[in-house]
Amino acid sequence: MFGPKTQKFFRRLAEWWVRPMVKLGITPNMLTVTGLVLALFSAVAIARDHLVWGAVLLFIGGAFDLSDGALARVQNSRSDFGAFFDSTLDRYSEAIVLMGLVYFYGERAQTGALLVVFAVLVGSLLVSYTRARAQGLGLDCEVGLYARPERVMTLVVGLIFYPWLLWFLALLAVVTNVTAIQRIVHVWRLTHPRPETPPSLLGRQVDEASEPQLTVAGSGGGRSSL
């Protein structure tokens, strides 16, 4: 959803604020684990009906989690395992926070809200899975409305304005699954390119277009093409 310029701005901002961590010996994996722990605390706060605290913890945890890549770039320590580890713990973080919402609505016996949370969980996981699977096939899949940063911020705002939380969750349920479908369509287009006109057929069409047309006079003085 964020444009390339916005993404570039936040990337530079993240790299700026993680630079002091390099001197402290903090590694990207430490930030990843910290984000997971804060997501767990956020889920507990949500389950215990402290939604604003849940939003604060989720925001801080998301900032840590989204900064591990910036720290890896600054340290020039990017690795395949680091990317795998970060992606895996991201899924755990999302599922844990949503589990807190499941407990929150389950205590109130709100079945409809539980179904909405389930739809958010399915959509969020499929957004990540479709991208990972496409990349595993060697295809670029940086498309779609809602990536992880947008999902985190939408949930943070929904928790702060908790009287409308269910509406924010319904929005997430829709846009996450729409994003997954967008990525499915994108990969289908990459793997099913439009067939080009064969050169032999193209040459035949050019030859036919250049041939003069023969005409004969009709009975009414008109002209018909042969």
C-alpha atoms as a PDB file:
ATOM      1  CA  MET A   1       0.000   0.000   0.000  1.00  0.00           C
ATOM      2  CA  PHE A   2       2.861   2.350   0.816  1.00  0.00           C
ATOM      3  CA  GLY A   3       4.500   3.715  -2.328  1.00  0.00           C
ATOM      4  CA  PRO A   4       8.195   3.245  -3.193  1.00  0.00           C
ATOM      5  CA  LYS A   5       9.119   6.737  -1.942  1.00  0.00           C
ATOM      6  CA  THR A   6       7.372   6.173   1.391  1.00  0.00           C
ATOM      7  CA  GLN A   7       9.017   2.780   1.795  1.00  0.00           C
ATOM      8  CA  LYS A   8      12.409   4.308   1.016  1.00  0.00           C
ATOM      9  CA  PHE A   9      11.847   7.050   3.617  1.00  0.00           C
ATOM     10  CA  PHE A  10      10.947   4.588   6.373  1.00  0.00           C
ATOM     11  CA  ARG A  11      13.844   2.331   5.376  1.00  0.00           C
ATOM     12  CA  ARG A  12      16.296   5.203   5.806  1.00  0.00           C
ATOM     13  CA  LEU A  13      14.628   6.235   9.078  1.00  0.00           C
ATOM     14  CA  ALA A  14      14.963   2.688  10.424  1.00  0.00           C
ATOM     15  CA  GLU A  15      18.608   2.516   9.387  1.00  0.00           C
ATOM     16  CA  TRP A  16      19.246   5.817  11.179  1.00  0.00           C
ATOM     17  CA  TRP A  17      17.777   4.743  14.502  1.00  0.00           C
ATOM     18  CA  VAL A  18      19.398   1.287  14.559  1.00  0.00           C
ATOM     19  CA  ARG A  19      22.949   2.605  14.049  1.00  0.00           C
ATOM     20  CA  PRO A  20      23.560   3.049  17.818  1.00  0.00           C
ATOM     21  CA  MET A  21      22.641  -0.637  18.270  1.00  0.00           C
ATOM     22  CA  VAL A  22      25.671  -1.653  16.222  1.00  0.00           C
ATOM     23  CA  LYS A  23      28.025  -0.322  18.923  1.00  0.00           C
ATOM     24  CA  LEU A  24      26.056  -2.203  21.584  1.00  0.00           C
ATOM     25  CA  GLY A  25      26.565  -5.517  19.809  1.00  0.00           C
ATOM     26  CA  ILE A  26      22.860  -6.054  19.161  1.00  0.00           C
ATOM     27  CA  THR A  27      22.124  -8.451  16.314  1.00  0.00           C
ATOM     28  CA  PRO A  28      19.126  -8.542  13.948  1.00  0.00           C
ATOM     29  CA  ASN A  29      17.993 -11.852  15.446  1.00  0.00           C
ATOM     30  CA  MET A  30      17.839 -10.194  18.883  1.00  0.00           C
ATOM     31  CA  LEU A  31      15.425  -7.612  17.490  1.00  0.00           C
ATOM     32  CA  THR A  32      13.363 -10.361  15.882  1.00  0.00           C
ATOM     33  CA  VAL A  33      13.040 -12.254  19.168  1.00  0.00           C
ATOM     34  CA  THR A  34      12.271  -9.022  21.057  1.00  0.00           C
ATOM     35  CA  GLY A  35       9.451  -8.316  18.620  1.00  0.00           C
ATOM     36  CA  LEU A  36       8.027 -11.782  19.264  1.00  0.00           C
ATOM     37  CA  VAL A  37       8.189 -11.327  23.060  1.00  0.00           C
ATOM     38  CA  LEU A  38       6.463  -7.942  22.843  1.00  0.00           C
ATOM     39  CA  ALA A  39       3.774  -9.490  20.612  1.00  0.00           C
ATOM     40  CA  LEU A  40       3.206 -12.078  23.355  1.00  0.00           C
ATOM     41  CA  PHE A  41       2.836  -9.353  25.989  1.00  0.00           C
ATOM     42  CA  SER A  42       0.488  -7.495  23.647  1.00  0.00           C
ATOM     43  CA  ALA A  43      -1.670 -10.609  23.267  1.00  0.00           C
ATOM     44  CA  VAL A  44      -1.857 -11.034  27.060  1.00  0.00           C
ATOM     45  CA  ALA A  45      -2.848  -7.373  27.476  1.00  0.00           C
ATOM     46  CA  ILE A  46      -5.577  -7.725  24.846  1.00  0.00           C
ATOM     47  CA  ALA A  47      -6.895 -10.928  26.400  1.00  0.00           C
ATOM     48  CA  ARG A  48      -7.100  -9.185  29.795  1.00  0.00           C
ATOM     49  CA  ASP A  49      -9.102  -6.298  28.268  1.00  0.00           C
ATOM     50  CA  HIS A  50      -6.214  -3.776  28.308  1.00  0.00           C
ATOM     51  CA  LEU A  51      -6.584  -2.925  24.655  1.00  0.00           C
ATOM     52  CA  VAL A  52      -4.694   0.379  24.650  1.00  0.00           C
ATOM     53  CA  TRP A  53      -1.708  -1.240  26.359  1.00  0.00           C
ATOM     54  CA  GLY A  54      -1.996  -4.020  23.830  1.00  0.00           C
ATOM     55  CA  ALA A  55      -1.793  -1.423  21.054  1.00  0.00           C
ATOM     56  CA  VAL A  56       1.280   0.245  22.602  1.00  0.00           C
ATOM     57  CA  LEU A  57       3.107  -3.066  23.005  1.00  0.00           C
ATOM     58  CA  LEU A  58       2.130  -4.158  19.505  1.00  0.00           C
ATOM     59  CA  PHE A  59       3.433  -0.890  18.046  1.00  0.00           C
ATOM     60  CA  ILE A  60       6.771  -1.128  19.880  1.00  0.00           C
ATOM     61  CA  GLY A  61       7.111  -4.804  19.022  1.00  0.00           C
ATOM     62  CA  GLY A  62       6.320  -4.065  15.387  1.00  0.00           C
ATOM     63  CA  ALA A  63       8.972  -1.323  15.350  1.00  0.00           C
ATOM     64  CA  PHE A  64      11.575  -3.779  16.664  1.00  0.00           C
ATOM     65  CA  ASP A  65      10.473  -6.475  14.269  1.00  0.00           C
ATOM     66  CA  LEU A  66      10.542  -4.176  11.258  1.00  0.00           C
ATOM     67  CA  SER A  67      14.005  -2.875  12.231  1.00  0.00           C
ATOM     68  CA  ASP A  68      15.856  -6.177  12.124  1.00  0.00           C
ATOM     69  CA  GLY A  69      16.247  -5.911   8.362  1.00  0.00           C
ATOM     70  CA  ALA A  70      17.561  -2.354   8.689  1.00  0.00           C
ATOM     71  CA  LEU A  71      20.107  -3.483  11.271  1.00  0.00           C
ATOM     72  CA  ALA A  72      21.202  -6.331   9.024  1.00  0.00           C
ATOM     73  CA  ARG A  73      21.779  -3.846   6.181  1.00  0.00           C
ATOM     74  CA  VAL A  74      23.745  -1.471   8.409  1.00  0.00           C
ATOM     75  CA  GLN A  75      25.876  -4.315   9.783  1.00  0.00           C
ATOM     76  CA  ASN A  76      26.115  -5.929   6.345  1.00  0.00           C
ATOM     77  CA  SER A  77      25.125  -9.169   8.061  1.00  0.00           C
ATOM     78  CA  ARG A  78      22.203 -10.295   5.921  1.00  0.00           C
ATOM     79  CA  SER A  79      21.900 -14.056   5.641  1.00  0.00           C
ATOM     80  CA  ASP A  80      19.487 -16.653   4.321  1.00  0.00           C
ATOM     81  CA  PHE A  81      18.851 -17.981   7.814  1.00  0.00           C
ATOM     82  CA  GLY A  82      18.211 -14.471   9.150  1.00  0.00           C
ATOM     83  CA  ALA A  83      15.567 -13.864   6.479  1.00  0.00           C
ATOM     84  CA  PHE A  84      13.994 -17.271   7.167  1.00  0.00           C
ATOM     85  CA  PHE A  85      14.078 -16.740  10.946  1.00  0.00           C
ATOM     86  CA  ASP A  86      12.532 -13.264  10.670  1.00  0.00           C
ATOM     87  CA  SER A  87       9.741 -14.430   8.362  1.00  0.00           C
ATOM     88  CA  THR A  88       8.899 -17.397  10.578  1.00  0.00           C
ATOM     89  CA  LEU A  89       8.744 -15.381  13.805  1.00  0.00           C
ATOM     90  CA  ASP A  90       6.643 -12.732  12.039  1.00  0.00           C
ATOM     91  CA  ARG A  91       3.979 -15.368  11.458  1.00  0.00           C
ATOM     92  CA  TYR A  92       4.148 -16.419  15.102  1.00  0.00           C
ATOM     93  CA  SER A  93       3.805 -12.782  16.201  1.00  0.00           C
ATOM     94  CA  GLU A  94       0.712 -12.220  14.088  1.00  0.00           C
ATOM     95  CA  ALA A  95      -0.903 -15.460  15.203  1.00  0.00           C
ATOM     96  CA  ILE A  96      -0.180 -14.767  18.896  1.00  0.00           C
ATOM     97  CA  VAL A  97      -1.743 -11.289  18.790  1.00  0.00           C
ATOM     98  CA  LEU A  98      -4.807 -12.628  16.998  1.00  0.00           C
ATOM     99  CA  MET A  99      -5.037 -15.397  19.586  1.00  0.00           C
ATOM    100  CA  GLY A 100      -5.319 -12.670  22.197  1.00  0.00           C
ATOM    101  CA  LEU A 101      -8.300 -11.312  20.272  1.00  0.00           C
ATOM    102  CA  VAL A 102      -9.787 -14.805  20.083  1.00  0.00           C
ATOM    103  CA  TYR A 103      -9.654 -15.020  23.874  1.00  0.00           C
ATOM    104  CA  PHE A 104     -11.039 -11.473  24.193  1.00  0.00           C
ATOM    105  CA  TYR A 105     -14.096 -12.200  22.050  1.00  0.00           C
ATOM    106  CA  GLY A 106     -14.442 -15.784  23.238  1.00  0.00           C
ATOM    107  CA  GLU A 107     -15.005 -14.651  26.839  1.00  0.00           C
ATOM    108  CA  ARG A 108     -17.832 -12.473  25.538  1.00  0.00           C
ATOM    109  CA  ALA A 109     -19.276 -15.298  23.418  1.00  0.00           C
ATOM    110  CA  GLN A 110     -19.190 -13.137  20.275  1.00  0.00           C
ATOM    111  CA  THR A 111     -19.185 -15.813  17.609  1.00  0.00           C
ATOM    112  CA  GLY A 112     -19.374 -13.365  14.712  1.00  0.00           C
ATOM    113  CA  ALA A 113     -16.295 -11.501  15.934  1.00  0.00           C
ATOM    114  CA  LEU A 114     -14.424 -14.798  16.304  1.00  0.00           C
ATOM    115  CA  LEU A 115     -15.169 -15.619  12.666  1.00  0.00           C
ATOM    116  CA  VAL A 116     -13.854 -12.208  11.624  1.00  0.00           C
ATOM    117  CA  VAL A 117     -10.623 -12.781  13.572  1.00  0.00           C
ATOM    118  CA  PHE A 118     -10.292 -16.192  11.916  1.00  0.00           C
ATOM    119  CA  ALA A 119     -10.671 -14.553   8.493  1.00  0.00           C
ATOM    120  CA  VAL A 120      -7.945 -12.047   9.415  1.00  0.00           C
ATOM    121  CA  LEU A 121      -5.642 -14.894  10.458  1.00  0.00           C
ATOM    122  CA  VAL A 122      -6.226 -16.816   7.225  1.00  0.00           C
ATOM    123  CA  GLY A 123      -5.738 -13.706   5.092  1.00  0.00           C
ATOM    124  CA  SER A 124      -2.566 -12.638   6.919  1.00  0.00           C
ATOM    125  CA  LEU A 125      -0.968 -16.055   6.611  1.00  0.00           C
ATOM    126  CA  LEU A 126      -1.896 -16.375   2.929  1.00  0.00           C
ATOM    127  CA  VAL A 127      -0.472 -12.935   2.130  1.00  0.00           C
ATOM    128  CA  SER A 128       2.875 -14.097   3.467  1.00  0.00           C
ATOM    129  CA  TYR A 129       2.641 -17.613   2.052  1.00  0.00           C
ATOM    130  CA  THR A 130       1.827 -16.520  -1.503  1.00  0.00           C
ATOM    131  CA  ARG A 131       4.845 -14.214  -1.549  1.00  0.00           C
ATOM    132  CA  ALA A 132       7.169 -16.829  -0.048  1.00  0.00           C
ATOM    133  CA  ARG A 133       5.950 -19.528  -2.444  1.00  0.00           C
ATOM    134  CA  ALA A 134       6.349 -17.223  -5.443  1.00  0.00           C
ATOM    135  CA  GLN A 135       9.875 -16.296  -4.381  1.00  0.00           C
ATOM    136  CA  GLY A 136      10.619 -19.999  -3.963  1.00  0.00           C
ATOM    137  CA  LEU A 137       9.717 -20.367  -7.644  1.00  0.00           C
ATOM    138  CA  GLY A 138      12.022 -17.489  -8.539  1.00  0.00           C
ATOM    139  CA  LEU A 139       9.173 -15.016  -9.144  1.00  0.00           C
ATOM    140  CA  ASP A 140       8.832 -11.481  -7.827  1.00  0.00           C
ATOM    141  CA  CYS A 141       5.657 -10.957  -5.791  1.00  0.00           C
ATOM    142  CA  GLU A 142       5.942  -7.457  -4.305  1.00  0.00           C
ATOM    143  CA  VAL A 143       2.333  -6.580  -5.063  1.00  0.00           C
ATOM    144  CA  GLY A 144      -0.896  -6.133  -3.132  1.00  0.00           C
ATOM    145  CA  LEU A 145      -2.691  -3.728  -0.861  1.00  0.00           C
ATOM    146  CA  TYR A 146      -1.676  -4.806   2.637  1.00  0.00           C
ATOM    147  CA  ALA A 147       1.760  -6.037   3.623  1.00  0.00           C
ATOM    148  CA  ARG A 148       2.790  -6.586   7.266  1.00  0.00           C
ATOM    149  CA  PRO A 149       3.472  -2.913   8.206  1.00  0.00           C
ATOM    150  CA  GLU A 150      -0.008  -1.884   7.070  1.00  0.00           C
ATOM    151  CA  ARG A 151      -1.599  -4.779   8.965  1.00  0.00           C
ATOM    152  CA  VAL A 152       0.214  -3.891  12.183  1.00  0.00           C
ATOM    153  CA  MET A 153      -0.722  -0.206  11.978  1.00  0.00           C
ATOM    154  CA  THR A 154      -4.373  -0.964  11.197  1.00  0.00           C
ATOM    155  CA  LEU A 155      -4.603  -3.251  14.224  1.00  0.00           C
ATOM    156  CA  VAL A 156      -2.844  -0.711  16.462  1.00  0.00           C
ATOM    157  CA  VAL A 157      -5.318   2.007  15.464  1.00  0.00           C
ATOM    158  CA  GLY A 158      -8.244  -0.386  15.930  1.00  0.00           C
ATOM    159  CA  LEU A 159      -7.099  -1.285  19.453  1.00  0.00           C
ATOM    160  CA  ILE A 160      -6.728   2.375  20.403  1.00  0.00           C
ATOM    161  CA  PHE A 161     -10.191   3.199  19.088  1.00  0.00           C
ATOM    162  CA  TYR A 162     -11.549  -0.018  20.575  1.00  0.00           C
ATOM    163  CA  PRO A 163     -15.283   0.818  20.261  1.00  0.00           C
ATOM    164  CA  TRP A 164     -14.718   0.385  16.501  1.00  0.00           C
ATOM    165  CA  LEU A 165     -12.230  -2.471  16.805  1.00  0.00           C
ATOM    166  CA  LEU A 166     -14.498  -4.988  15.087  1.00  0.00           C
ATOM    167  CA  TRP A 167     -14.827  -2.701  12.069  1.00  0.00           C
ATOM    168  CA  PHE A 168     -11.048  -2.460  11.782  1.00  0.00           C
ATOM    169  CA  LEU A 169     -10.829  -6.241  12.007  1.00  0.00           C
ATOM    170  CA  ALA A 170     -13.474  -6.584   9.294  1.00  0.00           C
ATOM    171  CA  LEU A 171     -11.387  -4.244   7.119  1.00  0.00           C
ATOM    172  CA  LEU A 172      -8.329  -6.401   7.746  1.00  0.00           C
ATOM    173  CA  ALA A 173     -10.294  -9.555   6.933  1.00  0.00           C
ATOM    174  CA  VAL A 174     -11.223  -8.123   3.542  1.00  0.00           C
ATOM    175  CA  VAL A 175      -7.983  -6.461   2.481  1.00  0.00           C
ATOM    176  CA  THR A 176      -5.687  -9.299   3.569  1.00  0.00           C
ATOM    177  CA  ASN A 177      -7.613 -11.837   1.533  1.00  0.00           C
ATOM    178  CA  VAL A 178      -7.866  -9.409  -1.389  1.00  0.00           C
ATOM    179  CA  THR A 179      -4.078  -8.992  -1.205  1.00  0.00           C
ATOM    180  CA  ALA A 180      -3.619 -12.770  -1.281  1.00  0.00           C
ATOM    181  CA  ILE A 181      -5.883 -12.992  -4.335  1.00  0.00           C
ATOM    182  CA  GLN A 182      -3.956 -10.151  -6.002  1.00  0.00           C
ATOM    183  CA  ARG A 183      -0.749 -12.111  -5.549  1.00  0.00           C
ATOM    184  CA  ILE A 184      -2.321 -15.286  -6.911  1.00  0.00           C
ATOM    185  CA  VAL A 185      -3.455 -13.388 -10.024  1.00  0.00           C
ATOM    186  CA  HIS A 186      -0.022 -11.741 -10.320  1.00  0.00           C
ATOM    187  CA  VAL A 187       1.772 -15.106 -10.246  1.00  0.00           C
ATOM    188  CA  TRP A 188      -0.731 -16.550 -12.736  1.00  0.00           C
ATOM    189  CA  ARG A 189       0.057 -13.720 -15.139  1.00  0.00           C
ATOM    190  CA  LEU A 190       3.797 -14.249 -14.715  1.00  0.00           C
ATOM    191  CA  THR A 191       3.461 -17.956 -15.421  1.00  0.00           C
ATOM    192  CA  HIS A 192       0.945 -17.533 -18.264  1.00  0.00           C
ATOM    193  CA  PRO A 193       2.332 -14.788 -20.532  1.00  0.00           C
ATOM    194  CA  ARG A 194       0.242 -13.642 -23.442  1.00  0.00           C
ATOM    195  CA  PRO A 195       1.092 -15.619 -26.590  1.00  0.00           C
ATOM    196  CA  GLU A 196       2.824 -13.444 -29.172  1.00  0.00           C
ATOM    197  CA  THR A 197       1.892 -13.555 -32.842  1.00  0.00           C
ATOM    198  CA  PRO A 198       4.187 -16.082 -34.571  1.00  0.00           C
ATOM    199  CA  PRO A 199       6.587 -14.383 -37.046  1.00  0.00           C
ATOM    200  CA  SER A 200       5.320 -16.555 -39.934  1.00  0.00           C
ATOM    201  CA  LEU A 201       1.721 -15.548 -39.295  1.00  0.00           C
ATOM    202  CA  LEU A 202       2.716 -11.910 -38.852  1.00  0.00           C
ATOM    203  CA  GLY A 203       4.503 -11.948 -42.220  1.00  0.00           C
ATOM    204  CA  ARG A 204       1.458 -13.521 -43.866  1.00  0.00           C
ATOM    205  CA  GLN A 205      -0.776 -10.770 -42.474  1.00  0.00           C
ATOM    206  CA  VAL A 206       1.561  -8.104 -43.819  1.00  0.00           C
ATOM    207  CA  ASP A 207       1.643  -9.743 -47.259  1.00  0.00           C
ATOM    208  CA  GLU A 208      -2.149  -9.977 -47.391  1.00  0.00           C
ATOM    209  CA  ALA A 209      -2.510  -6.342 -46.406  1.00  0.00           C
ATOM    210  CA  SER A 210      -0.124  -5.243 -49.164  1.00  0.00           C
ATOM    211  CA  GLU A 211      -1.861  -7.188 -51.951  1.00  0.00           C
ATOM    212  CA  PRO A 212      -4.118  -5.034 -54.236  1.00  0.00           C
ATOM    213  CA  GLN A 213      -7.821  -5.833 -54.141  1.00  0.00           C
ATOM    214  CA  LEU A 214      -9.677  -6.779 -57.329  1.00  0.00           C
ATOM    215  CA  THR A 215     -13.099  -5.257 -57.823  1.00  0.00           C
ATOM    216  CA  VAL A 216     -15.980  -5.959 -60.231  1.00  0.00           C
ATOM    217  CA  ALA A 217     -18.927  -3.833 -61.058  1.00  0.00           C
ATOM    218  CA  GLY A 218     -22.198  -4.790 -59.438  1.00  0.00           C
ATOM    219  CA  SER A 219     -25.605  -4.669 -61.005  1.00  0.00           C
ATOM    220  CA  GLY A 220     -26.490  -1.489 -59.210  1.00  0.00           C
ATOM    221  CA  GLY A 221     -23.347   0.377 -60.207  1.00  0.00           C
ATOM    222  CA  GLY A 222     -21.676  -0.381 -56.925  1.00  0.00           C
ATOM    223  CA  ARG A 223     -18.327  -2.093 -56.452  1.00  0.00           C
ATOM    224  CA  SER A 224     -17.707  -5.330 -54.587  1.00  0.00           C
ATOM    225  CA  SER A 225     -14.376  -6.628 -53.412  1.00  0.00           C
ATOM    226  CA  LEU A 226     -13.094 -10.105 -54.294  1.00  0.00           C
END
